Amino acid sequence: MSSDGKAVPDEEEEEEEGKEEVEKEEGKTQAEEEEDKRGEWRTAFSEQGRMYYWNVRTRESTYEKPY
């Protein structure tokens, strides 16, 4: 407990909580990973009106569906 009477977590508890967060990130399902990939891609249209895909993180563009 701290000097003001509030509970303070043990260092071991904090480490365990951090491990759980990492495990959740590493334990993504394939559907969740695909959703993450789709989240980076946007559709846009060329001057000729053809739809293409643009990745907001990498700035890559392609006419073929990337996901």
PDB file of N, CA and C in Angstrom:
ATOM      1  N   MET A   1       0.831  -1.179   0.000  1.00  0.00           N
ATOM      2  CA  MET A   1       0.000   0.000   0.000  1.00  0.00           C
ATOM      3  C   MET A   1       0.875   1.241   0.000  1.00  0.00           C
ATOM      4  N   SER A   2       0.374   2.247  -0.657  1.00  0.00           N
ATOM      5  CA  SER A   2       1.123   3.500  -0.683  1.00  0.00           C
ATOM      6  C   SER A   2       0.811   4.304   0.577  1.00  0.00           C
ATOM      7  N   SER A   3       1.526   5.409   0.734  1.00  0.00           N
ATOM      8  CA  SER A   3       1.352   6.215   1.944  1.00  0.00           C
ATOM      9  C   SER A   3      -0.042   6.835   2.028  1.00  0.00           C
ATOM     10  N   ASP A   4      -0.763   6.966   0.904  1.00  0.00           N
ATOM     11  CA  ASP A   4      -2.109   7.541   0.936  1.00  0.00           C
ATOM     12  C   ASP A   4      -3.199   6.477   1.058  1.00  0.00           C
ATOM     13  N   GLY A   5      -2.791   5.213   1.287  1.00  0.00           N
ATOM     14  CA  GLY A   5      -3.754   4.148   1.539  1.00  0.00           C
ATOM     15  C   GLY A   5      -4.248   3.428   0.297  1.00  0.00           C
ATOM     16  N   LYS A   6      -3.746   3.790  -0.877  1.00  0.00           N
ATOM     17  CA  LYS A   6      -4.172   3.125  -2.105  1.00  0.00           C
ATOM     18  C   LYS A   6      -3.334   1.875  -2.330  1.00  0.00           C
ATOM     19  N   ALA A   7      -3.962   0.866  -2.921  1.00  0.00           N
ATOM     20  CA  ALA A   7      -3.258  -0.377  -3.211  1.00  0.00           C
ATOM     21  C   ALA A   7      -2.263  -0.148  -4.358  1.00  0.00           C
ATOM     22  N   VAL A   8      -1.085  -0.690  -4.197  1.00  0.00           N
ATOM     23  CA  VAL A   8      -0.044  -0.595  -5.222  1.00  0.00           C
ATOM     24  C   VAL A   8       0.258  -2.018  -5.680  1.00  0.00           C
ATOM     25  N   PRO A   9       0.171  -2.290  -7.012  1.00  0.00           N
ATOM     26  CA  PRO A   9       0.430  -3.655  -7.483  1.00  0.00           C
ATOM     27  C   PRO A   9       1.890  -4.043  -7.292  1.00  0.00           C
ATOM     28  N   ASP A  10       2.094  -5.319  -7.001  1.00  0.00           N
ATOM     29  CA  ASP A  10       3.445  -5.847  -6.887  1.00  0.00           C
ATOM     30  C   ASP A  10       4.097  -5.838  -8.252  1.00  0.00           C
ATOM     31  N   GLU A  11       5.428  -5.826  -8.266  1.00  0.00           N
ATOM     32  CA  GLU A  11       6.150  -5.869  -9.531  1.00  0.00           C
ATOM     33  C   GLU A  11       5.822  -7.136 -10.304  1.00  0.00           C
ATOM     34  N   GLU A  12       5.678  -8.255  -9.598  1.00  0.00           N
ATOM     35  CA  GLU A  12       5.357  -9.516 -10.262  1.00  0.00           C
ATOM     36  C   GLU A  12       3.999  -9.427 -10.954  1.00  0.00           C
ATOM     37  N   GLU A  13       3.029  -8.799 -10.325  1.00  0.00           N
ATOM     38  CA  GLU A  13       1.711  -8.646 -10.933  1.00  0.00           C
ATOM     39  C   GLU A  13       1.807  -7.814 -12.200  1.00  0.00           C
ATOM     40  N   GLU A  14       2.585  -6.748 -12.175  1.00  0.00           N
ATOM     41  CA  GLU A  14       2.750  -5.910 -13.355  1.00  0.00           C
ATOM     42  C   GLU A  14       3.389  -6.689 -14.487  1.00  0.00           C
ATOM     43  N   GLU A  15       4.386  -7.510 -14.188  1.00  0.00           N
ATOM     44  CA  GLU A  15       5.047  -8.313 -15.209  1.00  0.00           C
ATOM     45  C   GLU A  15       4.068  -9.294 -15.829  1.00  0.00           C
ATOM     46  N   GLU A  16       3.249  -9.935 -15.013  1.00  0.00           N
ATOM     47  CA  GLU A  16       2.261 -10.896 -15.514  1.00  0.00           C
ATOM     48  C   GLU A  16       1.264 -10.203 -16.433  1.00  0.00           C
ATOM     49  N   GLU A  17       0.803  -9.018 -16.050  1.00  0.00           N
ATOM     50  CA  GLU A  17      -0.135  -8.284 -16.886  1.00  0.00           C
ATOM     51  C   GLU A  17       0.495  -7.958 -18.226  1.00  0.00           C
ATOM     52  N   GLY A  18       1.738  -7.566 -18.255  1.00  0.00           N
ATOM     53  CA  GLY A  18       2.434  -7.267 -19.500  1.00  0.00           C
ATOM     54  C   GLY A  18       2.558  -8.495 -20.379  1.00  0.00           C
ATOM     55  N   LYS A  19       2.811  -9.651 -19.773  1.00  0.00           N
ATOM     56  CA  LYS A  19       2.921 -10.895 -20.537  1.00  0.00           C
ATOM     57  C   LYS A  19       1.592 -11.244 -21.194  1.00  0.00           C
ATOM     58  N   GLU A  20       0.494 -11.036 -20.475  1.00  0.00           N
ATOM     59  CA  GLU A  20      -0.821 -11.345 -21.023  1.00  0.00           C
ATOM     60  C   GLU A  20      -1.102 -10.485 -22.246  1.00  0.00           C
ATOM     61  N   GLU A  21      -0.749  -9.214 -22.209  1.00  0.00           N
ATOM     62  CA  GLU A  21      -0.973  -8.335 -23.349  1.00  0.00           C
ATOM     63  C   GLU A  21      -0.192  -8.813 -24.561  1.00  0.00           C
ATOM     64  N   VAL A  22       1.054  -9.215 -24.367  1.00  0.00           N
ATOM     65  CA  VAL A  22       1.880  -9.706 -25.468  1.00  0.00           C
ATOM     66  C   VAL A  22       1.286 -10.985 -26.033  1.00  0.00           C
ATOM     67  N   GLU A  23       0.847 -11.879 -25.163  1.00  0.00           N
ATOM     68  CA  GLU A  23       0.262 -13.134 -25.614  1.00  0.00           C
ATOM     69  C   GLU A  23      -0.986 -12.877 -26.448  1.00  0.00           C
ATOM     70  N   LYS A  24      -1.795 -11.926 -26.060  1.00  0.00           N
ATOM     71  CA  LYS A  24      -2.997 -11.613 -26.832  1.00  0.00           C
ATOM     72  C   LYS A  24      -2.609 -11.127 -28.226  1.00  0.00           C
ATOM     73  N   GLU A  25      -1.595 -10.276 -28.326  1.00  0.00           N
ATOM     74  CA  GLU A  25      -1.161  -9.770 -29.622  1.00  0.00           C
ATOM     75  C   GLU A  25      -0.617 -10.896 -30.491  1.00  0.00           C
ATOM     76  N   GLU A  26       0.207 -11.773 -29.902  1.00  0.00           N
ATOM     77  CA  GLU A  26       0.796 -12.862 -30.651  1.00  0.00           C
ATOM     78  C   GLU A  26      -0.247 -13.902 -31.017  1.00  0.00           C
ATOM     79  N   GLY A  27      -1.299 -14.025 -30.234  1.00  0.00           N
ATOM     80  CA  GLY A  27      -2.293 -15.059 -30.414  1.00  0.00           C
ATOM     81  C   GLY A  27      -3.451 -14.654 -31.319  1.00  0.00           C
ATOM     82  N   LYS A  28      -3.249 -13.741 -32.249  1.00  0.00           N
ATOM     83  CA  LYS A  28      -4.316 -13.306 -33.134  1.00  0.00           C
ATOM     84  C   LYS A  28      -4.729 -14.440 -34.060  1.00  0.00           C
ATOM     85  N   THR A  29      -6.010 -14.490 -34.317  1.00  0.00           N
ATOM     86  CA  THR A  29      -6.505 -15.482 -35.262  1.00  0.00           C
ATOM     87  C   THR A  29      -6.211 -15.006 -36.672  1.00  0.00           C
ATOM     88  N   GLN A  30      -6.331 -15.903 -37.618  1.00  0.00           N
ATOM     89  CA  GLN A  30      -6.080 -15.529 -39.010  1.00  0.00           C
ATOM     90  C   GLN A  30      -7.058 -14.437 -39.449  1.00  0.00           C
ATOM     91  N   ALA A  31      -8.299 -14.534 -39.016  1.00  0.00           N
ATOM     92  CA  ALA A  31      -9.295 -13.518 -39.370  1.00  0.00           C
ATOM     93  C   ALA A  31      -8.908 -12.150 -38.824  1.00  0.00           C
ATOM     94  N   GLU A  32      -8.384 -12.120 -37.597  1.00  0.00           N
ATOM     95  CA  GLU A  32      -7.950 -10.849 -37.003  1.00  0.00           C
ATOM     96  C   GLU A  32      -6.752 -10.278 -37.758  1.00  0.00           C
ATOM     97  N   GLU A  33      -5.823 -11.137 -38.171  1.00  0.00           N
ATOM     98  CA  GLU A  33      -4.670 -10.675 -38.930  1.00  0.00           C
ATOM     99  C   GLU A  33      -5.097 -10.122 -40.283  1.00  0.00           C
ATOM    100  N   GLU A  34      -6.053 -10.783 -40.940  1.00  0.00           N
ATOM    101  CA  GLU A  34      -6.549 -10.287 -42.217  1.00  0.00           C
ATOM    102  C   GLU A  34      -7.257  -8.953 -42.043  1.00  0.00           C
ATOM    103  N   GLU A  35      -7.996  -8.810 -40.951  1.00  0.00           N
ATOM    104  CA  GLU A  35      -8.676  -7.549 -40.675  1.00  0.00           C
ATOM    105  C   GLU A  35      -7.659  -6.429 -40.483  1.00  0.00           C
ATOM    106  N   ASP A  36      -6.549  -6.716 -39.800  1.00  0.00           N
ATOM    107  CA  ASP A  36      -5.491  -5.727 -39.627  1.00  0.00           C
ATOM    108  C   ASP A  36      -4.929  -5.304 -40.971  1.00  0.00           C
ATOM    109  N   LYS A  37      -4.683  -6.273 -41.840  1.00  0.00           N
ATOM    110  CA  LYS A  37      -4.150  -5.964 -43.171  1.00  0.00           C
ATOM    111  C   LYS A  37      -5.131  -5.104 -43.955  1.00  0.00           C
ATOM    112  N   ARG A  38      -6.425  -5.472 -43.909  1.00  0.00           N
ATOM    113  CA  ARG A  38      -7.437  -4.693 -44.620  1.00  0.00           C
ATOM    114  C   ARG A  38      -7.508  -3.280 -44.071  1.00  0.00           C
ATOM    115  N   GLY A  39      -7.257  -3.127 -42.776  1.00  0.00           N
ATOM    116  CA  GLY A  39      -7.327  -1.815 -42.156  1.00  0.00           C
ATOM    117  C   GLY A  39      -6.294  -0.845 -42.692  1.00  0.00           C
ATOM    118  N   GLU A  40      -5.217  -1.357 -43.275  1.00  0.00           N
ATOM    119  CA  GLU A  40      -4.179  -0.502 -43.842  1.00  0.00           C
ATOM    120  C   GLU A  40      -4.494  -0.090 -45.271  1.00  0.00           C
ATOM    121  N   TRP A  41      -5.402  -0.790 -45.932  1.00  0.00           N
ATOM    122  CA  TRP A  41      -5.684  -0.574 -47.349  1.00  0.00           C
ATOM    123  C   TRP A  41      -6.945   0.253 -47.551  1.00  0.00           C
ATOM    124  N   ARG A  42      -6.881   1.149 -48.510  1.00  0.00           N
ATOM    125  CA  ARG A  42      -8.025   1.982 -48.891  1.00  0.00           C
ATOM    126  C   ARG A  42      -8.249   1.813 -50.390  1.00  0.00           C
ATOM    127  N   THR A  43      -9.479   2.020 -50.811  1.00  0.00           N
ATOM    128  CA  THR A  43      -9.750   2.016 -52.248  1.00  0.00           C
ATOM    129  C   THR A  43      -9.708   3.444 -52.746  1.00  0.00           C
ATOM    130  N   ALA A  44      -9.303   3.577 -53.980  1.00  0.00           N
ATOM    131  CA  ALA A  44      -9.243   4.886 -54.621  1.00  0.00           C
ATOM    132  C   ALA A  44      -9.521   4.673 -56.106  1.00  0.00           C
ATOM    133  N   PHE A  45      -9.666   5.747 -56.849  1.00  0.00           N
ATOM    134  CA  PHE A  45      -9.941   5.645 -58.273  1.00  0.00           C
ATOM    135  C   PHE A  45      -8.926   6.456 -59.062  1.00  0.00           C
ATOM    136  N   SER A  46      -8.459   5.850 -60.147  1.00  0.00           N
ATOM    137  CA  SER A  46      -7.499   6.539 -61.016  1.00  0.00           C
ATOM    138  C   SER A  46      -8.237   7.616 -61.808  1.00  0.00           C
ATOM    139  N   GLU A  47      -7.497   8.425 -62.530  1.00  0.00           N
ATOM    140  CA  GLU A  47      -8.110   9.471 -63.353  1.00  0.00           C
ATOM    141  C   GLU A  47      -9.014   8.868 -64.425  1.00  0.00           C
ATOM    142  N   GLN A  48      -8.715   7.635 -64.818  1.00  0.00           N
ATOM    143  CA  GLN A  48      -9.526   6.947 -65.821  1.00  0.00           C
ATOM    144  C   GLN A  48     -10.755   6.268 -65.203  1.00  0.00           C
ATOM    145  N   GLY A  49     -10.906   6.335 -63.881  1.00  0.00           N
ATOM    146  CA  GLY A  49     -12.047   5.769 -63.197  1.00  0.00           C
ATOM    147  C   GLY A  49     -11.859   4.340 -62.740  1.00  0.00           C
ATOM    148  N   ARG A  50     -10.669   3.796 -62.894  1.00  0.00           N
ATOM    149  CA  ARG A  50     -10.399   2.412 -62.474  1.00  0.00           C
ATOM    150  C   ARG A  50     -10.078   2.392 -60.974  1.00  0.00           C
ATOM    151  N   MET A  51     -10.717   1.464 -60.250  1.00  0.00           N
ATOM    152  CA  MET A  51     -10.479   1.370 -58.807  1.00  0.00           C
ATOM    153  C   MET A  51      -9.146   0.689 -58.542  1.00  0.00           C
ATOM    154  N   TYR A  52      -8.413   1.208 -57.537  1.00  0.00           N
ATOM    155  CA  TYR A  52      -7.176   0.568 -57.097  1.00  0.00           C
ATOM    156  C   TYR A  52      -7.112   0.615 -55.591  1.00  0.00           C
ATOM    157  N   TYR A  53      -6.155  -0.114 -55.040  1.00  0.00           N
ATOM    158  CA  TYR A  53      -5.974  -0.211 -53.587  1.00  0.00           C
ATOM    159  C   TYR A  53      -4.690   0.511 -53.207  1.00  0.00           C
ATOM    160  N   TRP A  54      -4.749   1.221 -52.073  1.00  0.00           N
ATOM    161  CA  TRP A  54      -3.620   2.019 -51.611  1.00  0.00           C
ATOM    162  C   TRP A  54      -3.386   1.723 -50.138  1.00  0.00           C
ATOM    163  N   ASN A  55      -2.142   1.392 -49.781  1.00  0.00           N
ATOM    164  CA  ASN A  55      -1.788   1.093 -48.404  1.00  0.00           C
ATOM    165  C   ASN A  55      -1.348   2.381 -47.726  1.00  0.00           C
ATOM    166  N   VAL A  56      -2.050   2.761 -46.674  1.00  0.00           N
ATOM    167  CA  VAL A  56      -1.770   4.030 -46.006  1.00  0.00           C
ATOM    168  C   VAL A  56      -0.462   4.002 -45.226  1.00  0.00           C
ATOM    169  N   ARG A  57      -0.013   2.798 -44.817  1.00  0.00           N
ATOM    170  CA  ARG A  57       1.234   2.705 -44.061  1.00  0.00           C
ATOM    171  C   ARG A  57       2.443   2.664 -44.986  1.00  0.00           C
ATOM    172  N   THR A  58       2.404   1.815 -46.019  1.00  0.00           N
ATOM    173  CA  THR A  58       3.566   1.636 -46.892  1.00  0.00           C
ATOM    174  C   THR A  58       3.520   2.504 -48.142  1.00  0.00           C
ATOM    175  N   ARG A  59       2.355   3.086 -48.425  1.00  0.00           N
ATOM    176  CA  ARG A  59       2.108   3.897 -49.620  1.00  0.00           C
ATOM    177  C   ARG A  59       2.180   3.081 -50.916  1.00  0.00           C
ATOM    178  N   GLU A  60       2.080   1.777 -50.774  1.00  0.00           N
ATOM    179  CA  GLU A  60       2.049   0.886 -51.939  1.00  0.00           C
ATOM    180  C   GLU A  60       0.658   0.965 -52.570  1.00  0.00           C
ATOM    181  N   SER A  61       0.592   0.827 -53.892  1.00  0.00           N
ATOM    182  CA  SER A  61      -0.698   0.770 -54.560  1.00  0.00           C
ATOM    183  C   SER A  61      -0.707  -0.404 -55.533  1.00  0.00           C
ATOM    184  N   THR A  62      -1.914  -0.942 -55.757  1.00  0.00           N
ATOM    185  CA  THR A  62      -2.063  -2.085 -56.643  1.00  0.00           C
ATOM    186  C   THR A  62      -3.495  -2.135 -57.167  1.00  0.00           C
ATOM    187  N   TYR A  63      -3.649  -2.675 -58.375  1.00  0.00           N
ATOM    188  CA  TYR A  63      -4.999  -2.860 -58.915  1.00  0.00           C
ATOM    189  C   TYR A  63      -5.598  -4.182 -58.436  1.00  0.00           C
ATOM    190  N   GLU A  64      -4.767  -5.096 -57.981  1.00  0.00           N
ATOM    191  CA  GLU A  64      -5.249  -6.387 -57.497  1.00  0.00           C
ATOM    192  C   GLU A  64      -5.538  -6.303 -56.005  1.00  0.00           C
ATOM    193  N   LYS A  65      -6.637  -6.956 -55.607  1.00  0.00           N
ATOM    194  CA  LYS A  65      -7.059  -6.920 -54.205  1.00  0.00           C
ATOM    195  C   LYS A  65      -5.950  -7.528 -53.331  1.00  0.00           C
ATOM    196  N   PRO A  66      -5.415  -6.775 -52.375  1.00  0.00           N
ATOM    197  CA  PRO A  66      -4.273  -7.222 -51.576  1.00  0.00           C
ATOM    198  C   PRO A  66      -4.617  -8.127 -50.395  1.00  0.00           C
ATOM    199  N   TYR A  67      -5.868  -8.353 -50.120  1.00  0.00           N
ATOM    200  CA  TYR A  67      -6.261  -9.151 -48.962  1.00  0.00           C
ATOM    201  C   TYR A  67      -7.301 -10.165 -49.333  1.00  0.00           C
TER     202      TYR A  67
END
